[in-house]
Amino acid sequence: MNGKKVNWFFLTTILLHLLIVVLMVVFRYVFTLGILANFVVSSAMIVVPALLFLLGSGDSFVEAAGFHRIRWSTVFMIVLFTFLTMPLTTVINTCSMFFVDNAVTEISGQVLELPFVVAFFFMAVSAPVCEELVYRGIAYRGYRKSGTLLQATLCSALIFAVGHMNFNQAAYAFVIGVMLVLLVEATGSIWASIIYHVVFNGYSVCVMYLAGDALESDITAGMPGGLTYEDTLLYGLGVSLVMAAVMTSIAVCVLIWIARNEGRIQRLQEIWTTRHERKGKMITIPLIIALLLAFAFMVAEVILYKIMI
């Protein structure tokens, strides 16, 4: 599957998402999707179209996904890399919360009603594996056939971010998407991004359950001096910025170590050194339409939410 087909796949997933939203609105008095059904439908919306497009192209799923062995020492360093990059994603998440609500916190009440094991499986195992197979496996490798490594990295990160269909998650998902591609190129295996994604989401689920009802309470509760919501965000942002500056620098060193450990440091460097190579067109009409539809949906969602509250 090449870049053009990836763009058609992405447009299909956006249209499916919009169709399901319309059906839920039209039949809201007949049925509503519970949180578990939402998890299943969300994964199916990207996996099924991706597999259908892949089958239509005649490519092997195993080859398209990129399953290759990595060293155990690399696995441990990927886990370390994951935790080192968390402050950076926290900074981006906090910045987005000045403008939109935290999407994960919004559904935390429903999630906490599920047994921990069930929530952990769907949020920290099933969803990450499905997303990695599609975005860093099928989609990224498809883009890589049509453009430079840098173009493929940015395009796959873009559709991964926009595919979340909300501004809050899209903001930090783009950065995570780039880091995941770097891990895939540093190791030559989709297992690297799967491990990162599982650890990242797993940590979030554990924190959600440990915090419990605190996530549903007022964010300013218990803060000294009656700080406002914005004051609290600024306080958290300041702390996260300091941590991100230090830990992201260490994360870069860890990424380089991983690439050297897997004998792929040159491949990692090629993402930048080959950026000026002339290849096929990456931005096509289906991608533009998909991005416009997704952006319009996210804007409408924010406006409707503001009206309702």
C-alpha atoms as a PDB file:
ATOM      1  CA  MET A   1       0.000   0.000   0.000  1.00  0.00           C
ATOM      2  CA  ASN A   2       1.407   3.406  -0.972  1.00  0.00           C
ATOM      3  CA  GLY A   3       0.823   6.909   0.362  1.00  0.00           C
ATOM      4  CA  LYS A   4      -2.170   7.634  -1.866  1.00  0.00           C
ATOM      5  CA  LYS A   5      -3.986   4.540  -0.612  1.00  0.00           C
ATOM      6  CA  VAL A   6      -3.143   5.468   2.975  1.00  0.00           C
ATOM      7  CA  ASN A   7      -4.844   8.830   2.411  1.00  0.00           C
ATOM      8  CA  TRP A   8      -7.930   7.074   1.035  1.00  0.00           C
ATOM      9  CA  PHE A   9      -7.908   4.785   4.080  1.00  0.00           C
ATOM     10  CA  PHE A  10      -7.733   7.794   6.406  1.00  0.00           C
ATOM     11  CA  LEU A  11     -10.633   9.505   4.629  1.00  0.00           C
ATOM     12  CA  THR A  12     -12.640   6.292   5.034  1.00  0.00           C
ATOM     13  CA  THR A  13     -12.015   6.204   8.792  1.00  0.00           C
ATOM     14  CA  ILE A  14     -13.074   9.843   9.171  1.00  0.00           C
ATOM     15  CA  LEU A  15     -16.264   9.238   7.192  1.00  0.00           C
ATOM     16  CA  LEU A  16     -16.994   6.155   9.304  1.00  0.00           C
ATOM     17  CA  HIS A  17     -16.512   8.175  12.471  1.00  0.00           C
ATOM     18  CA  LEU A  18     -18.892  10.884  11.259  1.00  0.00           C
ATOM     19  CA  LEU A  19     -21.444   8.292  10.140  1.00  0.00           C
ATOM     20  CA  ILE A  20     -21.438   6.628  13.554  1.00  0.00           C
ATOM     21  CA  VAL A  21     -21.810  10.003  15.295  1.00  0.00           C
ATOM     22  CA  VAL A  22     -24.796  10.844  13.070  1.00  0.00           C
ATOM     23  CA  LEU A  23     -26.402   7.460  13.752  1.00  0.00           C
ATOM     24  CA  MET A  24     -25.899   7.901  17.494  1.00  0.00           C
ATOM     25  CA  VAL A  25     -27.588  11.305  17.364  1.00  0.00           C
ATOM     26  CA  VAL A  26     -30.483  10.097  15.204  1.00  0.00           C
ATOM     27  CA  PHE A  27     -31.117   6.963  17.265  1.00  0.00           C
ATOM     28  CA  ARG A  28     -30.113   8.357  20.663  1.00  0.00           C
ATOM     29  CA  TYR A  29     -33.482   7.387  22.152  1.00  0.00           C
ATOM     30  CA  VAL A  30     -33.204   3.852  20.794  1.00  0.00           C
ATOM     31  CA  PHE A  31     -29.692   2.921  21.840  1.00  0.00           C
ATOM     32  CA  THR A  32     -26.520   4.388  23.289  1.00  0.00           C
ATOM     33  CA  LEU A  33     -23.033   2.963  23.085  1.00  0.00           C
ATOM     34  CA  GLY A  34     -21.503   2.117  26.434  1.00  0.00           C
ATOM     35  CA  ILE A  35     -17.827   2.715  27.144  1.00  0.00           C
ATOM     36  CA  LEU A  36     -16.867  -0.852  26.200  1.00  0.00           C
ATOM     37  CA  ALA A  37     -18.755  -0.626  22.907  1.00  0.00           C
ATOM     38  CA  ASN A  38     -16.993   2.676  22.246  1.00  0.00           C
ATOM     39  CA  PHE A  39     -13.599   1.030  22.731  1.00  0.00           C
ATOM     40  CA  VAL A  40     -14.480  -1.786  20.325  1.00  0.00           C
ATOM     41  CA  VAL A  41     -15.998   0.499  17.682  1.00  0.00           C
ATOM     42  CA  SER A  42     -13.071   2.939  17.864  1.00  0.00           C
ATOM     43  CA  SER A  43     -10.556   0.177  17.187  1.00  0.00           C
ATOM     44  CA  ALA A  44     -12.710  -1.432  14.480  1.00  0.00           C
ATOM     45  CA  MET A  45     -13.045   1.893  12.654  1.00  0.00           C
ATOM     46  CA  ILE A  46      -9.325   1.994  11.926  1.00  0.00           C
ATOM     47  CA  VAL A  47      -8.404  -1.695  11.794  1.00  0.00           C
ATOM     48  CA  VAL A  48     -11.085  -2.935   9.400  1.00  0.00           C
ATOM     49  CA  PRO A  49     -10.567  -0.258   6.684  1.00  0.00           C
ATOM     50  CA  ALA A  50      -6.777  -0.595   6.995  1.00  0.00           C
ATOM     51  CA  LEU A  51      -6.906  -4.354   6.486  1.00  0.00           C
ATOM     52  CA  LEU A  52      -9.315  -4.024   3.558  1.00  0.00           C
ATOM     53  CA  PHE A  53      -7.075  -1.491   1.821  1.00  0.00           C
ATOM     54  CA  LEU A  54      -4.039  -3.670   2.565  1.00  0.00           C
ATOM     55  CA  LEU A  55      -5.716  -6.745   1.076  1.00  0.00           C
ATOM     56  CA  GLY A  56      -6.677  -4.717  -1.982  1.00  0.00           C
ATOM     57  CA  SER A  57      -3.053  -3.729  -2.497  1.00  0.00           C
ATOM     58  CA  GLY A  58      -1.863  -7.355  -2.270  1.00  0.00           C
ATOM     59  CA  ASP A  59       0.730  -6.606   0.438  1.00  0.00           C
ATOM     60  CA  SER A  60       1.563  -9.038   3.230  1.00  0.00           C
ATOM     61  CA  PHE A  61       0.206  -8.006   6.632  1.00  0.00           C
ATOM     62  CA  VAL A  62       3.271  -9.295   8.498  1.00  0.00           C
ATOM     63  CA  GLU A  63       5.631  -7.399   6.201  1.00  0.00           C
ATOM     64  CA  ALA A  64       3.473  -4.261   6.233  1.00  0.00           C
ATOM     65  CA  ALA A  65       3.288  -4.261  10.031  1.00  0.00           C
ATOM     66  CA  GLY A  66       7.022  -4.786  10.467  1.00  0.00           C
ATOM     67  CA  PHE A  67       7.355  -7.508  13.082  1.00  0.00           C
ATOM     68  CA  HIS A  68      11.066  -7.986  13.750  1.00  0.00           C
ATOM     69  CA  ARG A  69      13.013  -9.114  16.793  1.00  0.00           C
ATOM     70  CA  ILE A  70      14.643  -6.605  19.097  1.00  0.00           C
ATOM     71  CA  ARG A  71      17.124  -7.129  21.926  1.00  0.00           C
ATOM     72  CA  TRP A  72      15.916  -7.459  25.514  1.00  0.00           C
ATOM     73  CA  SER A  73      18.246  -4.637  26.511  1.00  0.00           C
ATOM     74  CA  THR A  74      16.450  -2.497  23.929  1.00  0.00           C
ATOM     75  CA  VAL A  75      13.079  -3.384  25.457  1.00  0.00           C
ATOM     76  CA  PHE A  76      14.157  -2.090  28.868  1.00  0.00           C
ATOM     77  CA  MET A  77      15.498   1.114  27.319  1.00  0.00           C
ATOM     78  CA  ILE A  78      12.217   1.646  25.431  1.00  0.00           C
ATOM     79  CA  VAL A  79      10.378   1.520  28.752  1.00  0.00           C
ATOM     80  CA  LEU A  80      12.830   4.092  30.145  1.00  0.00           C
ATOM     81  CA  PHE A  81      12.401   6.233  27.015  1.00  0.00           C
ATOM     82  CA  THR A  82       8.616   6.142  27.535  1.00  0.00           C
ATOM     83  CA  PHE A  83       8.782   7.533  31.055  1.00  0.00           C
ATOM     84  CA  LEU A  84      11.376  10.128  30.079  1.00  0.00           C
ATOM     85  CA  THR A  85       9.101  11.548  27.380  1.00  0.00           C
ATOM     86  CA  MET A  86       5.998  11.771  29.589  1.00  0.00           C
ATOM     87  CA  PRO A  87       6.773  15.286  30.955  1.00  0.00           C
ATOM     88  CA  LEU A  88       6.918  16.604  27.376  1.00  0.00           C
ATOM     89  CA  THR A  89       3.483  15.193  26.579  1.00  0.00           C
ATOM     90  CA  THR A  90       2.209  16.606  29.881  1.00  0.00           C
ATOM     91  CA  VAL A  91       3.388  20.080  28.839  1.00  0.00           C
ATOM     92  CA  ILE A  92       1.550  19.837  25.520  1.00  0.00           C
ATOM     93  CA  ASN A  93      -1.552  18.400  27.181  1.00  0.00           C
ATOM     94  CA  THR A  94      -1.582  21.208  29.760  1.00  0.00           C
ATOM     95  CA  CYS A  95      -1.179  23.880  27.076  1.00  0.00           C
ATOM     96  CA  SER A  96      -4.146  22.486  25.159  1.00  0.00           C
ATOM     97  CA  MET A  97      -6.266  22.553  28.321  1.00  0.00           C
ATOM     98  CA  PHE A  98      -6.169  26.375  28.297  1.00  0.00           C
ATOM     99  CA  PHE A  99      -8.425  26.140  25.242  1.00  0.00           C
ATOM    100  CA  VAL A 100     -10.224  22.771  25.382  1.00  0.00           C
ATOM    101  CA  ASP A 101     -11.122  20.201  28.025  1.00  0.00           C
ATOM    102  CA  ASN A 102      -9.059  17.113  28.803  1.00  0.00           C
ATOM    103  CA  ALA A 103     -10.647  14.338  26.734  1.00  0.00           C
ATOM    104  CA  VAL A 104      -9.438  11.509  28.976  1.00  0.00           C
ATOM    105  CA  THR A 105     -10.732  13.164  32.144  1.00  0.00           C
ATOM    106  CA  GLU A 106     -14.107  13.624  30.450  1.00  0.00           C
ATOM    107  CA  ILE A 107     -14.611   9.855  30.158  1.00  0.00           C
ATOM    108  CA  SER A 108     -12.869   8.906  33.416  1.00  0.00           C
ATOM    109  CA  GLY A 109     -16.163   8.527  35.264  1.00  0.00           C
ATOM    110  CA  GLN A 110     -17.386   5.878  32.817  1.00  0.00           C
ATOM    111  CA  VAL A 111     -14.011   4.134  32.761  1.00  0.00           C
ATOM    112  CA  LEU A 112     -13.827   3.913  36.549  1.00  0.00           C
ATOM    113  CA  GLU A 113     -17.104   1.981  36.578  1.00  0.00           C
ATOM    114  CA  LEU A 114     -15.309  -0.878  34.786  1.00  0.00           C
ATOM    115  CA  PRO A 115     -13.149  -3.465  36.571  1.00  0.00           C
ATOM    116  CA  PHE A 116      -9.500  -2.409  36.413  1.00  0.00           C
ATOM    117  CA  VAL A 117      -8.473  -5.483  34.375  1.00  0.00           C
ATOM    118  CA  VAL A 118     -11.121  -4.791  31.728  1.00  0.00           C
ATOM    119  CA  ALA A 119     -10.220  -1.110  31.419  1.00  0.00           C
ATOM    120  CA  PHE A 120      -6.520  -1.919  31.309  1.00  0.00           C
ATOM    121  CA  PHE A 121      -6.999  -4.461  28.521  1.00  0.00           C
ATOM    122  CA  PHE A 122      -9.023  -2.163  26.269  1.00  0.00           C
ATOM    123  CA  MET A 123      -7.115   1.074  26.934  1.00  0.00           C
ATOM    124  CA  ALA A 124      -3.566  -0.187  27.480  1.00  0.00           C
ATOM    125  CA  VAL A 125      -3.365  -3.339  25.361  1.00  0.00           C
ATOM    126  CA  SER A 126      -6.043  -3.604  22.688  1.00  0.00           C
ATOM    127  CA  ALA A 127      -6.157   0.053  21.592  1.00  0.00           C
ATOM    128  CA  PRO A 128      -2.356   0.586  21.487  1.00  0.00           C
ATOM    129  CA  VAL A 129      -1.747  -2.637  19.545  1.00  0.00           C
ATOM    130  CA  CYS A 130      -4.448  -1.809  16.998  1.00  0.00           C
ATOM    131  CA  GLU A 131      -3.256   1.780  16.577  1.00  0.00           C
ATOM    132  CA  GLU A 132       0.380   0.775  16.191  1.00  0.00           C
ATOM    133  CA  LEU A 133      -0.359  -1.900  13.610  1.00  0.00           C
ATOM    134  CA  VAL A 134      -2.342   0.637  11.603  1.00  0.00           C
ATOM    135  CA  TYR A 135      -0.461   3.928  12.037  1.00  0.00           C
ATOM    136  CA  ARG A 136       3.176   2.881  12.546  1.00  0.00           C
ATOM    137  CA  GLY A 137       2.787  -0.345  10.595  1.00  0.00           C
ATOM    138  CA  ILE A 138       0.518  -0.125   7.576  1.00  0.00           C
ATOM    139  CA  ALA A 139       0.183   3.674   7.260  1.00  0.00           C
ATOM    140  CA  TYR A 140       3.788   4.684   7.965  1.00  0.00           C
ATOM    141  CA  ARG A 141       5.231   2.027   5.684  1.00  0.00           C
ATOM    142  CA  GLY A 142       2.756   3.061   3.005  1.00  0.00           C
ATOM    143  CA  TYR A 143       3.830   6.687   3.273  1.00  0.00           C
ATOM    144  CA  ARG A 144       7.461   5.592   3.254  1.00  0.00           C
ATOM    145  CA  LYS A 145       6.964   4.096  -0.220  1.00  0.00           C
ATOM    146  CA  SER A 146       5.745   7.426  -1.586  1.00  0.00           C
ATOM    147  CA  GLY A 147       7.812  10.051   0.221  1.00  0.00           C
ATOM    148  CA  THR A 148      10.939  10.728   2.215  1.00  0.00           C
ATOM    149  CA  LEU A 149      11.370   9.328   5.709  1.00  0.00           C
ATOM    150  CA  LEU A 150      10.698  12.766   7.187  1.00  0.00           C
ATOM    151  CA  GLN A 151       7.526  13.214   5.140  1.00  0.00           C
ATOM    152  CA  ALA A 152       6.327   9.740   6.104  1.00  0.00           C
ATOM    153  CA  THR A 153       7.056  10.489   9.760  1.00  0.00           C
ATOM    154  CA  LEU A 154       5.114  13.747   9.778  1.00  0.00           C
ATOM    155  CA  CYS A 155       2.176  12.464   7.709  1.00  0.00           C
ATOM    156  CA  SER A 156       1.719   9.319   9.807  1.00  0.00           C
ATOM    157  CA  ALA A 157       1.927  11.396  13.003  1.00  0.00           C
ATOM    158  CA  LEU A 158      -0.612  13.853  11.561  1.00  0.00           C
ATOM    159  CA  ILE A 159      -3.272  11.264  10.733  1.00  0.00           C
ATOM    160  CA  PHE A 160      -2.635   9.545  14.075  1.00  0.00           C
ATOM    161  CA  ALA A 161      -3.247  12.836  15.878  1.00  0.00           C
ATOM    162  CA  VAL A 162      -6.282  13.945  13.869  1.00  0.00           C
ATOM    163  CA  GLY A 163      -7.738  10.436  14.061  1.00  0.00           C
ATOM    164  CA  HIS A 164      -8.436  11.030  17.772  1.00  0.00           C
ATOM    165  CA  MET A 165     -11.050  13.591  16.647  1.00  0.00           C
ATOM    166  CA  ASN A 166     -10.503  16.043  19.517  1.00  0.00           C
ATOM    167  CA  PHE A 167      -8.044  18.914  19.898  1.00  0.00           C
ATOM    168  CA  ASN A 168      -6.783  17.882  23.326  1.00  0.00           C
ATOM    169  CA  GLN A 169      -5.542  14.422  22.391  1.00  0.00           C
ATOM    170  CA  ALA A 170      -4.516  15.508  18.881  1.00  0.00           C
ATOM    171  CA  ALA A 171      -2.058  18.034  20.328  1.00  0.00           C
ATOM    172  CA  TYR A 172       0.124  15.554  22.193  1.00  0.00           C
ATOM    173  CA  ALA A 173      -0.683  12.580  19.928  1.00  0.00           C
ATOM    174  CA  PHE A 174       1.195  14.282  17.076  1.00  0.00           C
ATOM    175  CA  VAL A 175       4.371  14.507  19.157  1.00  0.00           C
ATOM    176  CA  ILE A 176       3.915  10.938  20.380  1.00  0.00           C
ATOM    177  CA  GLY A 177       3.389   9.850  16.764  1.00  0.00           C
ATOM    178  CA  VAL A 178       6.744  11.316  15.785  1.00  0.00           C
ATOM    179  CA  MET A 179       8.509   9.673  18.733  1.00  0.00           C
ATOM    180  CA  LEU A 180       6.951   6.317  17.899  1.00  0.00           C
ATOM    181  CA  VAL A 181       8.229   6.476  14.325  1.00  0.00           C
ATOM    182  CA  LEU A 182      11.692   7.338  15.657  1.00  0.00           C
ATOM    183  CA  LEU A 183      11.547   4.216  17.809  1.00  0.00           C
ATOM    184  CA  VAL A 184      10.431   2.088  14.858  1.00  0.00           C
ATOM    185  CA  GLU A 185      13.305   3.369  12.730  1.00  0.00           C
ATOM    186  CA  ALA A 186      15.778   3.066  15.614  1.00  0.00           C
ATOM    187  CA  THR A 187      14.873  -0.610  16.079  1.00  0.00           C
ATOM    188  CA  GLY A 188      13.455  -1.662  12.707  1.00  0.00           C
ATOM    189  CA  SER A 189      10.464  -3.201  14.483  1.00  0.00           C
ATOM    190  CA  ILE A 190       6.836  -2.346  15.230  1.00  0.00           C
ATOM    191  CA  TRP A 191       7.353  -4.017  18.619  1.00  0.00           C
ATOM    192  CA  ALA A 192       9.203  -0.905  19.782  1.00  0.00           C
ATOM    193  CA  SER A 193       6.229   1.416  19.255  1.00  0.00           C
ATOM    194  CA  ILE A 194       3.809  -1.161  20.683  1.00  0.00           C
ATOM    195  CA  ILE A 195       5.858  -1.409  23.896  1.00  0.00           C
ATOM    196  CA  TYR A 196       5.997   2.398  24.200  1.00  0.00           C
ATOM    197  CA  HIS A 197       2.265   2.778  23.585  1.00  0.00           C
ATOM    198  CA  VAL A 198       1.283  -0.001  26.000  1.00  0.00           C
ATOM    199  CA  VAL A 199       3.495   1.397  28.773  1.00  0.00           C
ATOM    200  CA  PHE A 200       2.289   4.970  28.164  1.00  0.00           C
ATOM    201  CA  ASN A 201      -1.414   4.069  28.203  1.00  0.00           C
ATOM    202  CA  GLY A 202      -0.952   1.525  30.979  1.00  0.00           C
ATOM    203  CA  TYR A 203       0.605   4.159  33.218  1.00  0.00           C
ATOM    204  CA  SER A 204      -2.302   6.517  32.503  1.00  0.00           C
ATOM    205  CA  VAL A 205      -4.872   3.841  33.369  1.00  0.00           C
ATOM    206  CA  CYS A 206      -3.078   3.008  36.630  1.00  0.00           C
ATOM    207  CA  VAL A 207      -2.956   6.684  37.611  1.00  0.00           C
ATOM    208  CA  MET A 208      -6.650   7.051  36.754  1.00  0.00           C
ATOM    209  CA  TYR A 209      -7.646   4.188  39.053  1.00  0.00           C
ATOM    210  CA  LEU A 210      -5.278   5.211  41.835  1.00  0.00           C
ATOM    211  CA  ALA A 211      -6.622   8.769  41.743  1.00  0.00           C
ATOM    212  CA  GLY A 212     -10.198   7.499  41.695  1.00  0.00           C
ATOM    213  CA  ASP A 213     -12.848  10.119  42.276  1.00  0.00           C
ATOM    214  CA  ALA A 214     -10.235  12.863  42.473  1.00  0.00           C
ATOM    215  CA  LEU A 215     -10.203  13.005  38.674  1.00  0.00           C
ATOM    216  CA  GLU A 216     -13.866  13.940  38.667  1.00  0.00           C
ATOM    217  CA  SER A 217     -13.512  16.661  41.292  1.00  0.00           C
ATOM    218  CA  ASP A 218     -12.782  20.316  40.706  1.00  0.00           C
ATOM    219  CA  ILE A 219      -9.205  20.708  39.516  1.00  0.00           C
ATOM    220  CA  THR A 220      -8.720  23.664  41.862  1.00  0.00           C
ATOM    221  CA  ALA A 221      -9.883  21.770  44.962  1.00  0.00           C
ATOM    222  CA  GLY A 222      -7.304  21.778  47.705  1.00  0.00           C
ATOM    223  CA  MET A 223      -5.062  24.349  46.033  1.00  0.00           C
ATOM    224  CA  PRO A 224      -3.801  27.138  48.327  1.00  0.00           C
ATOM    225  CA  GLY A 225      -5.182  30.654  48.093  1.00  0.00           C
ATOM    226  CA  GLY A 226      -8.251  29.735  46.042  1.00  0.00           C
ATOM    227  CA  LEU A 227      -6.382  29.522  42.768  1.00  0.00           C
ATOM    228  CA  THR A 228      -8.402  29.628  39.566  1.00  0.00           C
ATOM    229  CA  TYR A 229      -8.421  26.899  36.938  1.00  0.00           C
ATOM    230  CA  GLU A 230      -5.945  28.865  34.797  1.00  0.00           C
ATOM    231  CA  ASP A 231      -3.666  29.510  37.804  1.00  0.00           C
ATOM    232  CA  THR A 232      -3.576  25.783  38.548  1.00  0.00           C
ATOM    233  CA  LEU A 233      -2.736  24.973  34.933  1.00  0.00           C
ATOM    234  CA  LEU A 234       0.070  27.531  34.946  1.00  0.00           C
ATOM    235  CA  TYR A 235       1.464  26.056  38.165  1.00  0.00           C
ATOM    236  CA  GLY A 236       1.416  22.565  36.682  1.00  0.00           C
ATOM    237  CA  LEU A 237       2.844  23.813  33.397  1.00  0.00           C
ATOM    238  CA  GLY A 238       5.807  25.431  35.146  1.00  0.00           C
ATOM    239  CA  VAL A 239       6.709  22.236  36.972  1.00  0.00           C
ATOM    240  CA  SER A 240       6.251  20.118  33.835  1.00  0.00           C
ATOM    241  CA  LEU A 241       8.399  22.462  31.718  1.00  0.00           C
ATOM    242  CA  VAL A 242      11.372  22.066  34.040  1.00  0.00           C
ATOM    243  CA  MET A 243      10.980  18.292  34.114  1.00  0.00           C
ATOM    244  CA  ALA A 244      10.475  18.131  30.331  1.00  0.00           C
ATOM    245  CA  ALA A 245      13.612  20.145  29.612  1.00  0.00           C
ATOM    246  CA  VAL A 246      15.769  17.749  31.610  1.00  0.00           C
ATOM    247  CA  MET A 247      14.090  14.441  30.861  1.00  0.00           C
ATOM    248  CA  THR A 248      13.566  15.004  27.131  1.00  0.00           C
ATOM    249  CA  SER A 249      17.295  15.677  26.756  1.00  0.00           C
ATOM    250  CA  ILE A 250      18.019  12.356  28.458  1.00  0.00           C
ATOM    251  CA  ALA A 251      15.366  10.685  26.265  1.00  0.00           C
ATOM    252  CA  VAL A 252      17.236  11.782  23.134  1.00  0.00           C
ATOM    253  CA  CYS A 253      20.393  10.131  24.466  1.00  0.00           C
ATOM    254  CA  VAL A 254      18.428   6.957  25.221  1.00  0.00           C
ATOM    255  CA  LEU A 255      16.994   6.933  21.687  1.00  0.00           C
ATOM    256  CA  ILE A 256      20.494   7.194  20.231  1.00  0.00           C
ATOM    257  CA  TRP A 257      21.620   4.347  22.495  1.00  0.00           C
ATOM    258  CA  ILE A 258      18.718   2.209  21.269  1.00  0.00           C
ATOM    259  CA  ALA A 259      19.615   2.880  17.632  1.00  0.00           C
ATOM    260  CA  ARG A 260      23.262   1.991  18.257  1.00  0.00           C
ATOM    261  CA  ASN A 261      22.280  -1.130  20.193  1.00  0.00           C
ATOM    262  CA  GLU A 262      20.191  -2.316  17.233  1.00  0.00           C
ATOM    263  CA  GLY A 263      22.817  -1.258  14.672  1.00  0.00           C
ATOM    264  CA  ARG A 264      20.485   1.299  13.054  1.00  0.00           C
ATOM    265  CA  ILE A 265      21.972   4.677  13.971  1.00  0.00           C
ATOM    266  CA  GLN A 266      22.497   5.475  10.285  1.00  0.00           C
ATOM    267  CA  ARG A 267      18.854   4.714   9.524  1.00  0.00           C
ATOM    268  CA  LEU A 268      17.800   7.104  12.268  1.00  0.00           C
ATOM    269  CA  GLN A 269      20.049   9.811  10.823  1.00  0.00           C
ATOM    270  CA  GLU A 270      18.571   9.289   7.356  1.00  0.00           C
ATOM    271  CA  ILE A 271      15.227  10.683   8.505  1.00  0.00           C
ATOM    272  CA  TRP A 272      16.881  14.109   8.448  1.00  0.00           C
ATOM    273  CA  THR A 273      19.635  13.699   5.872  1.00  0.00           C
ATOM    274  CA  THR A 274      17.269  12.446   3.144  1.00  0.00           C
ATOM    275  CA  ARG A 275      14.632  15.145   3.716  1.00  0.00           C
ATOM    276  CA  HIS A 276      15.371  16.909   0.404  1.00  0.00           C
ATOM    277  CA  GLU A 277      15.016  13.848  -1.795  1.00  0.00           C
ATOM    278  CA  ARG A 278      12.349  14.167  -4.467  1.00  0.00           C
ATOM    279  CA  LYS A 279       9.711  11.452  -4.356  1.00  0.00           C
ATOM    280  CA  GLY A 280       6.000  11.020  -4.978  1.00  0.00           C
ATOM    281  CA  LYS A 281       3.199  13.306  -3.825  1.00  0.00           C
ATOM    282  CA  MET A 282       2.177  12.840  -0.182  1.00  0.00           C
ATOM    283  CA  ILE A 283      -0.608  15.412   0.170  1.00  0.00           C
ATOM    284  CA  THR A 284      -3.546  14.337  -1.991  1.00  0.00           C
ATOM    285  CA  ILE A 285      -7.195  15.403  -2.258  1.00  0.00           C
ATOM    286  CA  PRO A 286      -8.530  12.564  -0.019  1.00  0.00           C
ATOM    287  CA  LEU A 287      -6.138  13.599   2.774  1.00  0.00           C
ATOM    288  CA  ILE A 288      -7.133  17.272   2.489  1.00  0.00           C
ATOM    289  CA  ILE A 289     -10.843  16.380   2.570  1.00  0.00           C
ATOM    290  CA  ALA A 290     -10.306  14.103   5.586  1.00  0.00           C
ATOM    291  CA  LEU A 291      -8.409  16.814   7.486  1.00  0.00           C
ATOM    292  CA  LEU A 292     -11.051  19.451   6.713  1.00  0.00           C
ATOM    293  CA  LEU A 293     -13.884  17.159   7.827  1.00  0.00           C
ATOM    294  CA  ALA A 294     -12.064  16.193  11.025  1.00  0.00           C
ATOM    295  CA  PHE A 295     -11.199  19.824  11.813  1.00  0.00           C
ATOM    296  CA  ALA A 296     -14.804  20.933  11.217  1.00  0.00           C
ATOM    297  CA  PHE A 297     -16.057  18.160  13.505  1.00  0.00           C
ATOM    298  CA  MET A 298     -13.632  19.078  16.291  1.00  0.00           C
ATOM    299  CA  VAL A 299     -14.531  22.772  16.062  1.00  0.00           C
ATOM    300  CA  ALA A 300     -18.259  21.966  16.114  1.00  0.00           C
ATOM    301  CA  GLU A 301     -17.743  19.699  19.126  1.00  0.00           C
ATOM    302  CA  VAL A 302     -15.993  22.478  21.070  1.00  0.00           C
ATOM    303  CA  ILE A 303     -18.681  25.047  20.166  1.00  0.00           C
ATOM    304  CA  LEU A 304     -21.540  22.714  21.124  1.00  0.00           C
ATOM    305  CA  TYR A 305     -19.858  21.872  24.427  1.00  0.00           C
ATOM    306  CA  LYS A 306     -19.438  25.572  25.259  1.00  0.00           C
ATOM    307  CA  ILE A 307     -23.104  26.214  24.419  1.00  0.00           C
ATOM    308  CA  MET A 308     -24.301  23.300  26.555  1.00  0.00           C
ATOM    309  CA  ILE A 309     -22.397  24.403  29.659  1.00  0.00           C
END
